[in-house]
Amino acid sequence: MRQAVVYGFSIVLLVWGSVGFASPKSGCEEHARQSESSIRTEDLGQWEPLDDRTLLVWAPHSTRAHLIRLGSALAGLMETEAVAVIDGDHDEVISPCGHDAIMVDDDAAEITSIEYLSEKRTAELDKRGSLTLRL
């Protein structure tokens, strides 16, 4: 089980580009929010990699995970204890709209999809038993 950190937790949130500037919300970002295909940065909690392109991320105290898919393989994802989340548009929401990414060491991969899973699907994918350890 890996504990995620944002603003002092082990997923590290990075803001790419100029500080204090957020782009207007795109249609993609609005759709992602409405379809549960996004995650507020304050809701990033524990995470587990499934392979070098896919990871599960839980909000604190939740039994349902988000399945995050990356556009390319991320070297070291299976071994690392911490990842950085790049909030490229500074909106405090991670979405698959081309702005946000996951980073390990100096390698980053764009987030291409986020799916909010049912408890059953979370348990099926959670091979390492992170959900069991959380309860």
Protein backbone atom coordinates (compact mmCIF):
# COMPACT_ATOMS: atom_id res chain seq x y z
CA MET A 1 0.00 0.00 0.00
CA ARG A 2 1.29 3.45 -0.87
CA GLN A 3 0.13 6.60 0.81
CA ALA A 4 -0.47 9.47 -1.56
CA VAL A 5 0.59 12.94 -0.58
CA VAL A 6 -0.68 16.27 -1.80
CA TYR A 7 0.50 19.40 0.02
CA GLY A 8 2.24 17.28 2.61
CA PHE A 9 0.85 13.77 2.04
CA SER A 10 3.24 10.87 -0.88
CA ILE A 11 1.56 11.96 -4.20
CA VAL A 12 3.28 15.30 -4.65
CA LEU A 13 1.27 17.95 -6.47
CA LEU A 14 3.21 20.02 -8.98
CA VAL A 15 1.87 23.13 -10.65
CA TRP A 16 3.41 23.49 -14.10
CA GLY A 17 3.83 26.95 -15.60
CA SER A 18 3.14 30.37 -14.17
CA VAL A 19 1.88 30.51 -10.59
CA GLY A 20 -1.58 31.93 -10.02
CA PHE A 21 -2.83 31.59 -13.59
CA ALA A 22 -5.62 29.12 -14.34
CA SER A 23 -7.03 28.67 -17.80
CA PRO A 24 -10.78 28.90 -18.35
CA LYS A 25 -12.63 25.61 -17.99
CA SER A 26 -12.81 23.70 -21.24
CA GLY A 27 -15.72 21.59 -22.41
CA CYS A 28 -13.59 18.52 -21.76
CA GLU A 29 -13.00 19.50 -18.13
CA GLU A 30 -16.69 20.18 -17.51
CA HIS A 31 -17.60 16.83 -19.07
CA ALA A 32 -14.93 15.09 -16.95
CA ARG A 33 -16.39 16.58 -13.76
CA GLN A 34 -19.95 15.65 -14.66
CA SER A 35 -19.03 12.09 -15.64
CA GLU A 36 -16.84 11.42 -12.56
CA SER A 37 -13.76 11.29 -14.81
CA SER A 38 -11.80 13.76 -12.72
CA ILE A 39 -10.36 13.96 -9.20
CA ARG A 40 -10.02 17.05 -7.03
CA THR A 41 -6.42 17.30 -5.84
CA GLU A 42 -7.63 17.50 -2.23
CA ASP A 43 -9.17 14.02 -2.72
CA LEU A 44 -5.92 12.30 -3.72
CA GLY A 45 -5.12 9.66 -1.13
CA GLN A 46 -3.62 6.20 -1.34
CA TRP A 47 -2.56 4.73 -4.67
CA GLU A 48 -1.39 1.44 -6.14
CA PRO A 49 0.08 0.80 -9.60
CA LEU A 50 -1.48 -1.97 -11.67
CA ASP A 51 1.19 -1.84 -14.36
CA ASP A 52 3.50 0.79 -15.87
CA ARG A 53 0.55 2.67 -17.49
CA THR A 54 -2.28 2.24 -14.98
CA LEU A 55 -2.89 3.02 -11.31
CA LEU A 56 -5.66 3.04 -8.74
CA VAL A 57 -6.13 6.14 -6.59
CA TRP A 58 -8.42 6.34 -3.55
CA ALA A 59 -9.81 9.41 -1.84
CA PRO A 60 -9.29 9.29 1.93
CA HIS A 61 -11.88 7.04 3.64
CA SER A 62 -13.30 5.77 0.34
CA THR A 63 -13.74 2.14 -0.70
CA ARG A 64 -14.09 3.13 -4.36
CA ALA A 65 -11.00 3.94 -6.40
CA HIS A 66 -10.36 5.93 -9.55
CA LEU A 67 -8.64 3.98 -12.33
CA ILE A 68 -6.11 6.28 -14.01
CA ARG A 69 -4.68 5.33 -17.41
CA LEU A 70 -1.57 7.00 -18.81
CA GLY A 71 -0.73 7.76 -22.43
CA SER A 72 2.66 6.11 -22.21
CA ALA A 73 4.52 3.70 -19.96
CA LEU A 74 6.06 5.34 -16.91
CA ALA A 75 9.39 3.80 -15.97
CA GLY A 76 9.62 3.03 -12.27
CA LEU A 77 5.88 3.28 -11.54
CA MET A 78 5.72 -0.27 -10.17
CA GLU A 79 8.67 0.25 -7.82
CA THR A 80 8.36 3.83 -6.56
CA GLU A 81 6.84 4.82 -3.24
CA ALA A 82 5.86 8.33 -4.40
CA VAL A 83 4.56 9.88 -7.58
CA ALA A 84 4.06 13.51 -8.50
CA VAL A 85 0.79 14.72 -9.95
CA ILE A 86 1.16 17.57 -12.42
CA ASP A 87 -1.85 19.89 -12.38
CA GLY A 88 -0.96 21.54 -15.67
CA ASP A 89 -3.86 23.99 -15.82
CA HIS A 90 -3.77 24.93 -12.10
CA ASP A 91 -7.45 24.19 -11.52
CA GLU A 92 -6.94 21.82 -8.54
CA VAL A 93 -8.66 19.07 -10.54
CA ILE A 94 -6.91 16.18 -12.28
CA SER A 95 -8.59 15.21 -15.55
CA PRO A 96 -7.79 13.41 -18.82
CA CYS A 97 -8.06 16.65 -20.82
CA GLY A 98 -4.45 17.04 -21.91
CA HIS A 99 -3.15 19.25 -19.10
CA ASP A 100 -2.43 16.82 -16.27
CA ALA A 101 0.13 14.06 -15.82
CA ILE A 102 1.74 11.61 -13.42
CA MET A 103 5.49 11.84 -12.86
CA VAL A 104 8.08 9.43 -11.45
CA ASP A 105 11.56 10.87 -11.02
CA ASP A 106 12.13 12.88 -14.23
CA ASP A 107 9.68 10.91 -16.41
CA ALA A 108 6.08 12.13 -16.89
CA ALA A 109 3.11 10.56 -18.66
CA GLU A 110 -0.12 12.32 -19.63
CA ILE A 111 -3.35 11.14 -18.00
CA THR A 112 -5.55 9.83 -20.82
CA SER A 113 -8.52 8.50 -18.84
CA ILE A 114 -9.95 8.44 -15.34
CA GLU A 115 -12.75 6.07 -14.38
CA TYR A 116 -14.52 6.12 -10.99
CA LEU A 117 -14.93 2.45 -10.13
CA SER A 118 -17.62 0.62 -8.21
CA GLU A 119 -16.63 -1.07 -4.94
CA LYS A 120 -16.83 -4.46 -6.70
CA ARG A 121 -14.58 -3.38 -9.61
CA THR A 122 -12.15 -1.73 -7.18
CA ALA A 123 -11.85 -4.99 -5.23
CA GLU A 124 -11.32 -6.98 -8.46
CA LEU A 125 -8.43 -4.74 -9.54
CA ASP A 126 -6.91 -4.29 -6.08
CA LYS A 127 -4.71 -7.39 -6.27
CA ARG A 128 -2.36 -6.19 -3.51
CA GLY A 129 -5.17 -5.84 -1.00
CA SER A 130 -4.80 -2.11 -0.45
CA LEU A 131 -8.54 -1.80 0.14
CA THR A 132 -8.42 -4.47 2.84
CA LEU A 133 -5.49 -2.72 4.52
CA ARG A 134 -7.36 0.60 4.46
CA LEU A 135 -10.46 -0.65 6.30
